[in-house]
Amino acid sequence: MPYAHRLQSSRFELKYVIHPSLVRPVREFTLSYLEPDEHADPKDNWEYPVHSLYLDSPTLALARATIQGHKNRFKLRIRFYDHKPESPVFFEIKRRVSDVILKRRANVKRSALPGLLAGELPRREYLTKADADDGEFGALQQFCSLRDMLRADGQAYVSYKREAYVTPNDNSVRLTFDRKISGTPYRGTFDLNNTHGAVYPRVNGTVLELKFTDRFPNWMRQLVEVFDLERRSMAKYVACVLKLGNTPAHLLAHTQGIRL
């Protein structure tokens, strides 16, 4: 699977944690407006795996920005969907500016990972597509610039199963269910086949995310009202890095209800 998502570069993103018993009725409500994501696997309950290696500074500045509730913050992650050597990886900058989510993404050859994780400068030939535009190379350049500014290195892998639904044709609205969230320590090399030391933060339900590029759709507003959903913070990277014990102890008082 190429996973060449029609990525929303700017969007609003609302998160909820719902009881597993609500997944089916919410799904049925959603199917009146959305269709399954093109990568959903009907043989696997319409789910597909999502993996991300999160980079952070030695003092975990990016995790702390989330824990402390900074309105303007960002994350650096390398996203992938399988373990095949020929499959690409996606260098992503996910920036929050108040309530708006901004994303930049570069489609990168997996063979370029060791060098980039070791601090190499980006090269255009590292991109998967020979005809990639300047915007994609610019995303990789910015990722590496932020990496160097923070002296960031891999901190944790975050993995989960995703069930996703999107508007036909334009992906302007997206709804996802994320389950089976786990965190695995980064051991200096890009390899998730060894899951020794994996942890499972207690999120007390299924993570539901509503994502849209313009105004909050009326049907989503109705969904929230019908199922009495309560918006809350659920940062998967923070939950996993806290559970792994990578975060200085004095930060644990600011976990905003994440249960370890």
Protein backbone atom coordinates (compact mmCIF):
# COMPACT_ATOMS: atom_id res chain seq x y z
CA MET A 1 0.00 0.00 0.00
CA PRO A 2 1.47 3.37 -0.94
CA TYR A 3 -0.53 5.32 1.65
CA ALA A 4 -0.38 8.43 -0.50
CA HIS A 5 -3.01 10.16 1.62
CA ARG A 6 -4.75 13.26 0.38
CA LEU A 7 -3.36 14.98 3.44
CA GLN A 8 -5.20 17.86 5.03
CA SER A 9 -2.44 20.47 5.40
CA SER A 10 -4.60 22.77 7.57
CA ARG A 11 -7.55 21.59 9.64
CA PHE A 12 -9.42 21.64 12.91
CA GLU A 13 -9.15 18.53 15.05
CA LEU A 14 -11.45 17.60 17.94
CA LYS A 15 -10.70 14.60 20.16
CA TYR A 16 -12.94 12.46 22.34
CA VAL A 17 -12.48 9.22 24.27
CA ILE A 18 -15.58 7.06 23.96
CA HIS A 19 -16.68 3.79 25.48
CA PRO A 20 -16.12 0.86 23.08
CA SER A 21 -19.88 0.21 23.09
CA LEU A 22 -20.38 3.54 21.31
CA VAL A 23 -18.13 2.71 18.36
CA ARG A 24 -20.76 0.80 16.43
CA PRO A 25 -23.58 3.38 16.70
CA VAL A 26 -21.17 6.25 15.98
CA ARG A 27 -19.90 4.35 12.94
CA GLU A 28 -23.44 3.75 11.68
CA PHE A 29 -24.27 7.44 12.15
CA THR A 30 -21.08 8.41 10.30
CA LEU A 31 -21.70 6.15 7.30
CA SER A 32 -24.61 8.37 6.28
CA TYR A 33 -22.06 11.07 5.44
CA LEU A 34 -18.63 9.46 4.97
CA GLU A 35 -17.10 6.38 3.35
CA PRO A 36 -14.29 4.10 4.56
CA ASP A 37 -10.76 5.35 4.03
CA GLU A 38 -9.19 3.91 0.87
CA HIS A 39 -6.64 1.99 2.98
CA ALA A 40 -9.16 0.38 5.33
CA ASP A 41 -8.88 -3.40 5.31
CA PRO A 42 -12.25 -5.19 5.30
CA LYS A 43 -10.43 -8.38 6.33
CA ASP A 44 -9.18 -6.69 9.49
CA ASN A 45 -12.33 -5.00 10.82
CA TRP A 46 -11.73 -2.08 8.44
CA GLU A 47 -8.61 -1.15 10.39
CA TYR A 48 -5.01 -0.58 9.40
CA PRO A 49 -1.87 -0.12 11.52
CA VAL A 50 -0.29 3.27 12.09
CA HIS A 51 3.23 3.63 13.50
CA SER A 52 5.17 6.80 14.32
CA LEU A 53 8.65 7.41 15.67
CA TYR A 54 8.53 10.65 17.65
CA LEU A 55 11.61 12.82 17.95
CA ASP A 56 12.18 15.15 20.86
CA SER A 57 14.92 17.09 22.60
CA PRO A 58 17.01 15.55 25.42
CA THR A 59 14.75 17.35 27.91
CA LEU A 60 11.58 16.33 26.03
CA ALA A 61 10.68 19.92 25.22
CA LEU A 62 7.95 18.94 22.76
CA ALA A 63 6.25 16.56 25.19
CA ARG A 64 6.43 19.21 27.91
CA ALA A 65 4.83 21.81 25.64
CA THR A 66 1.82 19.52 25.28
CA ILE A 67 1.67 18.63 28.97
CA GLN A 68 1.82 22.31 29.91
CA GLY A 69 -0.93 23.18 27.43
CA HIS A 70 0.98 25.59 25.17
CA LYS A 71 -1.38 26.94 22.51
CA ASN A 72 1.35 27.07 19.86
CA ARG A 73 3.42 23.91 19.70
CA PHE A 74 4.59 21.21 17.31
CA LYS A 75 5.67 17.60 17.09
CA LEU A 76 8.27 15.87 14.93
CA ARG A 77 7.43 12.36 13.86
CA ILE A 78 8.32 9.78 11.24
CA ARG A 79 5.19 7.91 10.23
CA PHE A 80 5.01 4.52 8.54
CA TYR A 81 2.41 1.84 7.93
CA ASP A 82 4.33 -1.42 7.56
CA HIS A 83 7.80 -2.92 8.02
CA LYS A 84 8.68 -3.49 4.36
CA PRO A 85 12.13 -2.15 3.39
CA GLU A 86 10.78 -0.86 0.09
CA SER A 87 7.94 1.12 1.67
CA PRO A 88 8.40 4.87 2.19
CA VAL A 89 8.28 6.72 5.47
CA PHE A 90 6.74 10.14 6.06
CA PHE A 91 8.62 12.90 7.86
CA GLU A 92 5.92 15.04 9.44
CA ILE A 93 5.76 18.32 11.30
CA LYS A 94 2.44 18.59 13.11
CA ARG A 95 2.00 22.12 14.37
CA ARG A 96 -0.82 23.46 16.51
CA VAL A 97 -1.59 27.17 16.32
CA SER A 98 -4.37 27.77 18.83
CA ASP A 99 -7.14 25.42 17.60
CA VAL A 100 -5.78 24.96 14.07
CA ILE A 101 -3.62 21.97 13.08
CA LEU A 102 -1.03 22.57 10.35
CA LYS A 103 0.85 19.68 8.77
CA ARG A 104 3.87 19.46 6.51
CA ARG A 105 4.91 16.06 5.19
CA ALA A 106 7.74 14.62 3.09
CA ASN A 107 7.62 11.18 1.48
CA VAL A 108 11.11 9.74 2.11
CA LYS A 109 12.94 6.58 1.07
CA ARG A 110 13.39 4.21 4.00
CA SER A 111 17.03 3.74 3.04
CA ALA A 112 17.66 7.42 3.91
CA LEU A 113 16.54 6.97 7.51
CA PRO A 114 19.83 6.03 9.20
CA GLY A 115 21.56 9.12 7.91
CA LEU A 116 18.72 11.51 8.65
CA LEU A 117 18.30 10.12 12.17
CA ALA A 118 22.06 10.55 12.67
CA GLY A 119 21.82 14.25 11.77
CA GLU A 120 22.54 14.33 8.04
CA LEU A 121 21.40 17.29 5.99
CA PRO A 122 18.41 16.60 3.72
CA ARG A 123 18.96 15.79 0.06
CA ARG A 124 16.40 15.92 -2.69
CA GLU A 125 17.32 12.39 -3.77
CA TYR A 126 16.12 11.14 -0.39
CA LEU A 127 12.54 11.82 -1.50
CA THR A 128 10.60 8.87 -2.86
CA LYS A 129 9.32 10.77 -5.88
CA ALA A 130 11.90 12.05 -8.34
CA ASP A 131 9.49 14.80 -9.42
CA ALA A 132 8.53 15.88 -5.88
CA ASP A 133 7.74 19.58 -5.67
CA ASP A 134 9.67 22.17 -3.70
CA GLY A 135 7.03 22.10 -0.98
CA GLU A 136 7.77 18.50 -0.11
CA PHE A 137 11.53 19.04 -0.06
CA GLY A 138 10.94 22.19 1.97
CA ALA A 139 9.05 20.09 4.52
CA LEU A 140 12.05 17.76 4.87
CA GLN A 141 14.40 20.73 5.17
CA GLN A 142 12.26 22.29 7.89
CA PHE A 143 12.00 18.97 9.74
CA CYS A 144 15.80 18.65 9.78
CA SER A 145 16.22 22.29 10.81
CA LEU A 146 13.92 21.80 13.80
CA ARG A 147 15.69 18.50 14.59
CA ASP A 148 19.02 20.31 14.72
CA MET A 149 17.68 23.30 16.67
CA LEU A 150 16.31 20.99 19.38
CA ARG A 151 19.11 18.42 19.14
CA ALA A 152 16.18 16.04 18.77
CA ASP A 153 16.53 12.28 18.61
CA GLY A 154 14.08 9.39 18.56
CA GLN A 155 12.26 8.95 21.86
CA ALA A 156 9.41 6.48 21.35
CA TYR A 157 7.41 4.59 18.79
CA VAL A 158 3.66 5.04 19.04
CA SER A 159 1.48 2.42 17.37
CA TYR A 160 -2.24 1.81 17.10
CA LYS A 161 -4.97 0.42 14.88
CA ARG A 162 -6.98 3.04 12.98
CA GLU A 163 -10.45 2.85 11.49
CA ALA A 164 -11.04 5.89 9.30
CA TYR A 165 -13.89 7.45 7.31
CA VAL A 166 -13.62 10.36 4.87
CA THR A 167 -15.71 12.52 2.58
CA PRO A 168 -15.71 11.15 -0.97
CA ASN A 169 -13.29 12.82 -3.40
CA ASP A 170 -11.88 15.65 -1.30
CA ASN A 171 -11.03 14.38 2.21
CA SER A 172 -12.23 17.70 3.66
CA VAL A 173 -13.84 15.85 6.58
CA ARG A 174 -12.34 12.85 8.33
CA LEU A 175 -13.41 10.75 11.31
CA THR A 176 -11.13 8.19 12.92
CA PHE A 177 -11.30 5.59 15.68
CA ASP A 178 -7.91 4.69 17.21
CA ARG A 179 -7.52 1.56 19.33
CA LYS A 180 -4.82 -0.65 20.87
CA ILE A 181 -2.44 2.24 21.49
CA SER A 182 1.06 1.18 22.49
CA GLY A 183 4.46 2.75 23.01
CA THR A 184 7.82 1.11 22.38
CA PRO A 185 11.25 2.48 23.36
CA TYR A 186 13.50 3.80 20.62
CA ARG A 187 16.83 1.99 20.89
CA GLY A 188 18.94 4.02 18.49
CA THR A 189 17.98 2.27 15.26
CA PHE A 190 14.83 2.36 13.17
CA ASP A 191 13.38 -1.06 13.96
CA LEU A 192 9.94 -1.78 15.37
CA ASN A 193 10.13 -5.54 14.89
CA ASN A 194 11.52 -5.80 18.41
CA THR A 195 8.63 -4.75 20.63
CA HIS A 196 10.36 -5.70 23.89
CA GLY A 197 9.45 -3.16 26.54
CA ALA A 198 6.20 -2.08 24.88
CA VAL A 199 3.73 -0.29 27.15
CA TYR A 200 0.00 0.32 26.89
CA PRO A 201 -1.25 3.59 28.40
CA ARG A 202 -4.71 3.45 29.93
CA VAL A 203 -6.91 5.68 27.82
CA ASN A 204 -10.18 4.18 29.10
CA GLY A 205 -11.83 3.80 25.72
CA THR A 206 -11.46 4.37 22.01
CA VAL A 207 -9.98 7.63 20.75
CA LEU A 208 -12.40 9.35 18.39
CA GLU A 209 -11.10 12.24 16.29
CA LEU A 210 -13.21 14.60 14.18
CA LYS A 211 -11.18 16.49 11.57
CA PHE A 212 -12.43 19.12 9.17
CA THR A 213 -10.93 21.88 7.04
CA ASP A 214 -13.65 24.52 7.09
CA ARG A 215 -16.57 24.89 9.48
CA PHE A 216 -17.74 22.23 11.93
CA PRO A 217 -20.20 20.17 9.84
CA ASN A 218 -23.77 20.23 11.13
CA TRP A 219 -23.97 16.44 11.16
CA MET A 220 -20.84 16.24 13.33
CA ARG A 221 -22.42 18.72 15.74
CA GLN A 222 -25.49 16.47 15.85
CA LEU A 223 -23.26 13.42 16.44
CA VAL A 224 -21.62 15.11 19.44
CA GLU A 225 -25.03 16.05 20.86
CA VAL A 226 -26.76 12.71 20.21
CA PHE A 227 -23.98 10.68 21.86
CA ASP A 228 -23.24 13.29 24.53
CA LEU A 229 -19.54 13.39 23.64
CA GLU A 230 -17.17 15.40 25.81
CA ARG A 231 -14.11 16.85 24.13
CA ARG A 232 -10.81 16.16 25.86
CA SER A 233 -7.07 16.15 25.34
CA MET A 234 -5.53 12.84 24.29
CA ALA A 235 -1.94 13.14 23.11
CA LYS A 236 -0.80 9.63 22.20
CA TYR A 237 2.91 10.48 22.23
CA VAL A 238 2.68 12.08 25.67
CA ALA A 239 0.68 9.17 27.08
CA CYS A 240 3.24 6.68 25.77
CA VAL A 241 6.35 8.59 26.78
CA LEU A 242 4.97 9.05 30.29
CA LYS A 243 4.17 5.35 30.54
CA LEU A 244 7.65 4.47 29.30
CA GLY A 245 9.09 6.58 32.11
CA ASN A 246 11.14 8.84 29.83
CA THR A 247 9.76 12.05 31.32
CA PRO A 248 11.36 13.79 34.32
CA ALA A 249 9.38 13.00 37.47
CA HIS A 250 8.39 16.61 38.21
CA LEU A 251 6.29 16.65 35.03
CA LEU A 252 3.98 13.88 36.19
CA ALA A 253 1.87 16.37 38.12
CA HIS A 254 0.81 17.97 34.83
CA THR A 255 -0.47 14.96 32.93
CA GLN A 256 -4.03 16.35 32.74
CA GLY A 257 -5.77 13.14 33.70
CA ILE A 258 -3.79 10.65 31.62
CA ARG A 259 -3.79 7.41 33.58
CA LEU A 260 -0.57 5.40 33.51
